[in-house]
Protein backbone atom coordinates (compact mmCIF):
# COMPACT_ATOMS: atom_id res chain seq x y z
CA MET A 1 -55.86 268.37 172.12
CA SER A 2 -52.24 267.56 172.80
CA GLY A 3 -50.20 268.19 175.87
CA SER A 4 -47.52 266.76 178.01
CA VAL A 5 -48.08 264.43 180.89
CA THR A 6 -46.11 265.07 184.05
CA ILE A 7 -44.77 261.73 185.20
CA CYS A 8 -43.13 263.06 188.35
CA GLN A 9 -43.54 266.01 190.65
CA ILE A 10 -40.51 267.96 191.81
CA PRO A 11 -41.00 268.97 195.45
CA ASP A 12 -40.15 272.56 196.36
CA ASP A 13 -37.65 271.39 198.98
CA LEU A 14 -35.72 269.51 196.28
CA LYS A 15 -35.63 272.64 194.13
CA LYS A 16 -34.27 274.56 197.13
CA GLN A 17 -31.64 271.88 197.76
CA LEU A 18 -30.52 272.16 194.13
CA ARG A 19 -30.26 275.95 194.39
CA ASP A 20 -28.17 275.53 197.56
CA PHE A 21 -26.06 272.84 195.88
CA ARG A 22 -25.20 275.24 193.08
CA PHE A 23 -23.22 277.42 195.52
CA LYS A 24 -21.88 274.69 197.80
CA HIS A 25 -18.28 273.58 197.42
CA SER A 26 -17.53 269.90 197.78
CA GLU A 27 -15.10 267.61 196.06
CA CYS A 28 -16.07 264.45 194.22
CA SER A 29 -14.11 262.79 191.46
CA ILE A 30 -15.58 261.49 188.23
CA GLU A 31 -14.47 258.02 189.32
CA GLU A 32 -16.54 258.34 192.50
CA ILE A 33 -19.60 259.24 190.44
CA GLN A 34 -18.97 256.27 188.14
CA ASP A 35 -18.63 253.94 191.16
CA GLU A 36 -22.00 255.06 192.57
CA LEU A 37 -23.99 254.37 189.40
CA PRO A 38 -25.76 251.00 189.14
CA ASP A 39 -25.16 248.75 186.15
CA GLN A 40 -28.81 248.16 185.20
CA GLN A 41 -30.83 251.17 186.43
CA PRO A 42 -31.15 254.68 185.01
CA ARG A 43 -30.24 257.66 187.15
CA PHE A 44 -30.30 261.44 187.04
CA VAL A 45 -27.01 262.95 188.22
CA VAL A 46 -26.86 266.67 188.98
CA ILE A 47 -23.30 267.93 188.89
CA SER A 48 -21.50 271.22 189.19
CA TYR A 49 -17.86 271.24 188.22
CA GLU A 50 -15.09 273.65 187.33
CA LEU A 51 -15.19 274.50 183.64
CA LYS A 52 -12.26 276.50 182.25
CA HIS A 53 -13.20 278.47 179.14
CA SER A 54 -10.82 279.23 176.27
CA ASP A 55 -10.89 282.95 177.15
CA GLY A 56 -9.62 282.25 180.68
CA ARG A 57 -12.94 282.48 182.47
CA VAL A 58 -13.91 279.82 184.99
CA SER A 59 -17.52 278.82 185.59
CA PHE A 60 -19.31 276.19 187.62
CA PRO A 61 -22.32 275.10 185.55
CA LEU A 62 -25.09 273.11 187.20
CA CYS A 63 -25.85 270.29 184.80
CA LEU A 64 -28.01 267.22 184.52
CA LEU A 65 -26.48 263.97 183.39
CA PHE A 66 -29.07 261.35 182.41
CA TYR A 67 -27.55 257.89 182.77
CA SER A 68 -29.60 255.21 180.98
CA PRO A 69 -27.55 252.03 180.68
CA PHE A 70 -28.02 249.38 178.03
CA GLY A 71 -29.93 246.43 179.43
CA CYS A 72 -32.12 248.28 181.91
CA SER A 73 -35.85 247.66 181.75
CA THR A 74 -37.85 249.45 179.09
CA GLU A 75 -40.34 250.65 181.71
CA LEU A 76 -37.61 252.39 183.71
CA GLN A 77 -36.12 253.95 180.59
CA ILE A 78 -39.53 255.36 179.64
CA LEU A 79 -40.21 256.70 183.14
CA TYR A 80 -36.85 258.42 183.38
CA ALA A 81 -36.88 259.73 179.81
CA GLY A 82 -40.41 261.05 180.30
CA SER A 83 -39.35 262.87 183.47
CA ARG A 84 -36.15 264.38 182.10
CA ASN A 85 -37.53 267.53 180.45
CA HIS A 86 -39.78 268.26 183.41
CA LEU A 87 -36.82 267.98 185.80
CA VAL A 88 -34.64 270.17 183.57
CA ASN A 89 -37.30 272.89 183.35
CA ALA A 90 -38.54 272.73 186.94
CA CYS A 91 -35.03 272.90 188.40
CA ASP A 92 -33.52 275.32 185.86
CA LEU A 93 -30.86 272.86 184.70
CA ARG A 94 -29.96 274.53 181.43
CA LYS A 95 -27.34 272.04 180.33
CA ASN A 96 -28.02 268.32 180.13
CA ALA A 97 -26.69 265.26 178.39
CA GLU A 98 -27.33 261.54 178.20
CA VAL A 99 -24.90 258.65 178.54
CA ARG A 100 -25.48 254.94 178.09
CA GLU A 101 -22.24 253.59 179.55
CA ILE A 102 -20.45 254.55 182.74
CA GLU A 103 -17.14 254.78 180.90
CA GLU A 104 -18.52 257.65 178.79
CA ILE A 105 -18.49 259.91 181.84
CA THR A 106 -15.14 261.67 181.58
CA LYS A 107 -13.87 265.22 182.04
CA GLU A 108 -13.55 265.52 178.26
CA PHE A 109 -17.17 264.43 177.78
CA LEU A 110 -18.43 266.90 180.39
CA ASP A 111 -16.41 269.73 178.84
CA SER A 112 -17.69 268.94 175.35
CA LYS A 113 -21.34 268.74 176.40
CA PHE A 114 -21.52 271.50 179.00
CA SER A 115 -19.16 274.22 177.74
């Protein structure tokens, strides 16, 4: 018998906050996000940003960015990696990507991964 083990639970109030966040307008630069990330600990970053499509449409996708820096503990990497799919599914985050270095987080990277 095989199955998946849920490493974390996603509280309903967090799911509601994410739904509200999807339609909330606030400004934050990519540099501000980079500055908030620690050097040695993984993080999940949920972002919504303006994405301009080649046909002229504009959308604001809600996306998960999994930041797992080189040098962080193996235990933390396993915990976060094991929780990623559950978080994506439970919170309806259809687009997600992983980065290992803060400098990878750029507008071009987001556009290439989330368009």
